[in-house]
Amino acid sequence: MSEVTYYVALPFVMADDGVAPGEAMECLSANASVMRAEALSRKPRCAGAVAFSRTGDPSSGDFDRC
């Protein structure tokens, strides 16, 4: 199988014992992941968010670093 790139927005939420990662959201493009991360960071109880991408081969599980 060929390589694919996944674009992701990942929020970080306030938890009882500090900050914890929220639910990652797959996006259609790099720009969409940045816009989604910005929107997520403005939600209540959200400590912030990051946008990142991963490129690799899903059939073999080999992916580049984020």
N, C-alpha and C. Protein backbone atom coordinates (compact mmCIF):
# COMPACT_ATOMS: atom_id res chain seq x y z
N MET A 1 0.84 -1.18 0.00
CA MET A 1 0.00 0.00 0.00
C MET A 1 0.89 1.24 0.00
N SER A 2 0.40 2.32 -0.54
CA SER A 2 1.19 3.54 -0.60
C SER A 2 1.09 4.33 0.70
N GLU A 3 1.97 5.30 0.82
CA GLU A 3 1.96 6.14 2.01
C GLU A 3 0.78 7.09 2.00
N VAL A 4 0.28 7.38 3.17
CA VAL A 4 -0.79 8.36 3.34
C VAL A 4 -0.37 9.33 4.45
N THR A 5 -0.95 10.51 4.42
CA THR A 5 -0.71 11.49 5.47
C THR A 5 -2.01 11.74 6.21
N TYR A 6 -1.95 11.61 7.52
CA TYR A 6 -3.08 11.92 8.38
C TYR A 6 -2.84 13.28 9.02
N TYR A 7 -3.84 14.14 8.98
CA TYR A 7 -3.79 15.45 9.62
C TYR A 7 -4.69 15.39 10.85
N VAL A 8 -4.17 15.85 11.97
CA VAL A 8 -4.87 15.65 13.24
C VAL A 8 -4.86 16.93 14.07
N ALA A 9 -5.98 17.18 14.76
CA ALA A 9 -6.06 18.22 15.79
C ALA A 9 -6.26 17.50 17.11
N LEU A 10 -5.45 17.83 18.11
CA LEU A 10 -5.50 17.16 19.40
C LEU A 10 -5.66 18.19 20.51
N PRO A 11 -6.81 18.20 21.18
CA PRO A 11 -6.99 19.12 22.30
C PRO A 11 -6.39 18.56 23.59
N PHE A 12 -6.09 19.44 24.51
CA PHE A 12 -5.67 19.07 25.86
C PHE A 12 -6.66 19.69 26.82
N VAL A 13 -7.23 18.86 27.68
CA VAL A 13 -8.32 19.30 28.56
C VAL A 13 -7.87 19.31 30.02
N MET A 14 -8.53 20.15 30.80
CA MET A 14 -8.25 20.21 32.22
C MET A 14 -8.88 18.98 32.88
N ALA A 15 -8.09 18.29 33.67
CA ALA A 15 -8.56 17.11 34.41
C ALA A 15 -8.37 17.39 35.90
N ASP A 16 -8.90 16.52 36.73
CA ASP A 16 -8.78 16.71 38.18
C ASP A 16 -7.32 16.75 38.64
N ASP A 17 -6.46 16.02 37.98
CA ASP A 17 -5.06 15.95 38.38
C ASP A 17 -4.12 16.69 37.42
N GLY A 18 -4.65 17.63 36.64
CA GLY A 18 -3.81 18.41 35.73
C GLY A 18 -4.39 18.48 34.33
N VAL A 19 -3.53 18.33 33.36
CA VAL A 19 -3.94 18.42 31.95
C VAL A 19 -3.82 17.03 31.32
N ALA A 20 -4.80 16.69 30.49
CA ALA A 20 -4.81 15.38 29.83
C ALA A 20 -5.15 15.55 28.36
N PRO A 21 -4.66 14.66 27.50
CA PRO A 21 -5.04 14.75 26.08
C PRO A 21 -6.52 14.43 25.91
N GLY A 22 -7.16 15.17 25.02
CA GLY A 22 -8.56 14.91 24.69
C GLY A 22 -8.65 13.95 23.52
N GLU A 23 -9.78 13.97 22.85
CA GLU A 23 -10.01 13.08 21.71
C GLU A 23 -9.41 13.68 20.44
N ALA A 24 -8.51 12.96 19.80
CA ALA A 24 -7.90 13.41 18.55
C ALA A 24 -8.95 13.42 17.44
N MET A 25 -8.85 14.42 16.56
CA MET A 25 -9.79 14.54 15.45
C MET A 25 -9.02 14.57 14.14
N GLU A 26 -9.32 13.62 13.26
CA GLU A 26 -8.69 13.59 11.95
C GLU A 26 -9.30 14.69 11.07
N CYS A 27 -8.46 15.37 10.30
CA CYS A 27 -8.90 16.47 9.44
C CYS A 27 -8.49 16.18 7.99
N LEU A 28 -9.07 16.93 7.07
CA LEU A 28 -8.83 16.69 5.64
C LEU A 28 -7.53 17.28 5.11
N SER A 29 -7.00 18.30 5.79
CA SER A 29 -5.79 18.97 5.29
C SER A 29 -5.02 19.57 6.46
N ALA A 30 -3.81 20.03 6.18
CA ALA A 30 -3.01 20.69 7.20
C ALA A 30 -3.71 21.95 7.69
N ASN A 31 -4.23 22.74 6.76
CA ASN A 31 -4.92 23.97 7.13
C ASN A 31 -6.15 23.67 7.99
N ALA A 32 -6.89 22.65 7.63
CA ALA A 32 -8.08 22.28 8.40
C ALA A 32 -7.70 21.84 9.82
N SER A 33 -6.58 21.15 9.97
CA SER A 33 -6.18 20.72 11.32
C SER A 33 -5.76 21.91 12.18
N VAL A 34 -5.12 22.90 11.59
CA VAL A 34 -4.75 24.11 12.33
C VAL A 34 -6.01 24.86 12.76
N MET A 35 -6.94 25.03 11.83
CA MET A 35 -8.17 25.74 12.15
C MET A 35 -8.96 24.99 13.23
N ARG A 36 -9.01 23.67 13.15
CA ARG A 36 -9.73 22.88 14.15
C ARG A 36 -9.05 23.00 15.52
N ALA A 37 -7.72 22.94 15.54
CA ALA A 37 -6.99 23.08 16.81
C ALA A 37 -7.25 24.45 17.44
N GLU A 38 -7.26 25.49 16.61
CA GLU A 38 -7.55 26.84 17.13
C GLU A 38 -8.94 26.89 17.73
N ALA A 39 -9.92 26.31 17.05
CA ALA A 39 -11.30 26.30 17.56
C ALA A 39 -11.40 25.48 18.85
N LEU A 40 -10.75 24.34 18.89
CA LEU A 40 -10.78 23.50 20.09
C LEU A 40 -10.16 24.21 21.29
N SER A 41 -9.11 24.99 21.05
CA SER A 41 -8.41 25.66 22.14
C SER A 41 -9.27 26.72 22.82
N ARG A 42 -10.34 27.15 22.18
CA ARG A 42 -11.22 28.17 22.74
C ARG A 42 -12.38 27.58 23.53
N LYS A 43 -12.51 26.28 23.55
CA LYS A 43 -13.63 25.64 24.27
C LYS A 43 -13.36 25.67 25.78
N PRO A 44 -14.45 25.71 26.57
CA PRO A 44 -14.28 25.66 28.04
C PRO A 44 -13.55 24.38 28.46
N ARG A 45 -12.78 24.48 29.51
CA ARG A 45 -12.00 23.37 30.07
C ARG A 45 -10.88 22.88 29.15
N CYS A 46 -10.63 23.59 28.06
CA CYS A 46 -9.54 23.21 27.15
C CYS A 46 -8.30 24.03 27.51
N ALA A 47 -7.19 23.35 27.77
CA ALA A 47 -5.95 24.03 28.13
C ALA A 47 -5.17 24.45 26.89
N GLY A 48 -5.50 23.91 25.74
CA GLY A 48 -4.81 24.21 24.49
C GLY A 48 -5.01 23.07 23.51
N ALA A 49 -4.40 23.20 22.34
CA ALA A 49 -4.53 22.16 21.32
C ALA A 49 -3.34 22.25 20.37
N VAL A 50 -3.04 21.15 19.71
CA VAL A 50 -1.98 21.11 18.71
C VAL A 50 -2.52 20.51 17.42
N ALA A 51 -1.91 20.90 16.32
CA ALA A 51 -2.19 20.32 15.01
C ALA A 51 -0.90 19.63 14.55
N PHE A 52 -1.04 18.41 14.03
CA PHE A 52 0.14 17.71 13.55
C PHE A 52 -0.26 16.75 12.43
N SER A 53 0.75 16.22 11.75
CA SER A 53 0.49 15.24 10.70
C SER A 53 1.42 14.05 10.87
N ARG A 54 0.98 12.91 10.36
CA ARG A 54 1.78 11.69 10.34
C ARG A 54 1.70 11.10 8.95
N THR A 55 2.84 10.75 8.39
CA THR A 55 2.89 10.13 7.07
C THR A 55 3.46 8.73 7.22
N GLY A 56 2.83 7.78 6.56
CA GLY A 56 3.33 6.42 6.63
C GLY A 56 2.44 5.44 5.89
N ASP A 57 2.73 4.18 6.09
CA ASP A 57 2.02 3.09 5.43
C ASP A 57 1.13 2.38 6.46
N PRO A 58 -0.19 2.58 6.39
CA PRO A 58 -1.08 1.97 7.37
C PRO A 58 -1.05 0.44 7.36
N SER A 59 -0.77 -0.17 6.23
CA SER A 59 -0.78 -1.64 6.17
C SER A 59 0.39 -2.25 6.93
N SER A 60 1.52 -1.55 6.96
CA SER A 60 2.69 -2.08 7.68
C SER A 60 2.84 -1.46 9.06
N GLY A 61 2.18 -0.31 9.30
CA GLY A 61 2.30 0.37 10.58
C GLY A 61 3.53 1.25 10.69
N ASP A 62 4.28 1.40 9.60
CA ASP A 62 5.48 2.24 9.61
C ASP A 62 5.10 3.68 9.33
N PHE A 63 5.37 4.56 10.30
CA PHE A 63 5.06 5.98 10.16
C PHE A 63 6.27 6.82 10.51
N ASP A 64 6.39 7.98 9.85
CA ASP A 64 7.42 8.95 10.18
C ASP A 64 7.09 9.56 11.54
N ARG A 65 8.06 10.25 12.11
CA ARG A 65 7.81 10.98 13.35
C ARG A 65 6.88 12.15 13.08
N CYS A 66 6.17 12.56 14.13
CA CYS A 66 5.25 13.70 14.00
C CYS A 66 6.02 14.98 13.80
